[in-house]
Amino acid sequence: MATQRTIYQQDEYAENHESRAVRDISDKLLAHLNTGDALELMLAANLPGTSSAEVQATFLPFATELGFTSEAKGLFLEYENKLRPDYFRPIGGLGILLEVERGKTTTNNMDLLDFWKCHLCKRADYLFLMVPQALKHNDTMTPKREYNSVVKRLETFFVPGNSTNVRAVHIFGY
């Protein structure tokens, strides 16, 4: 199953230089995730009992080539709750948080936590969020449609009047 992507962004930033650069990085990541090798690795990493770290490991070398650093420290020093992203990439004066979820995506509202982290981060106004298209915690359960749920939930932040300082979210469904 091919990796899907949905992008929501604030209209006022749709055509600025940074948004175009972010879109270019997103396009490169999506193209990589849809190669045969990457799809095979992601499929194996999205099995019951696996963690988001196993999903991250499938594309980490490519994300590093794109300029992302793993678990960047120092982005949330002004907060006592020790937040940190999975990955961060500076772009111009801003940056992109890249978050990877698997088992707790909507059950524990990790998608909303990731959005909140991007909202709080003074150096990132863009979020790349990777979530499973279908999630099974065991072999007998009916898959939860995580990607569709996340897309619906995060869309509400881009309805006129509901905006935050997150200029765009790129949701990848693996």
Foldseek 3Di string as FASTA:
>chain_A
DAKDKDKFFAPVCCPDPQNVVVVVLVVVVSVVCRDPQNVVQQVVQQAAPHFQVSNCVSCVVVVVVSAKDAFDPDQPVVDPPRDTARIWHADVQAIEGEHTGHDCVPVVVVLVVQVVVQLPGPRYQEYEYEYACWHDNHPPDDTDRRLVVSVVVCVVCRDPPNDGSNRMYMYIHD
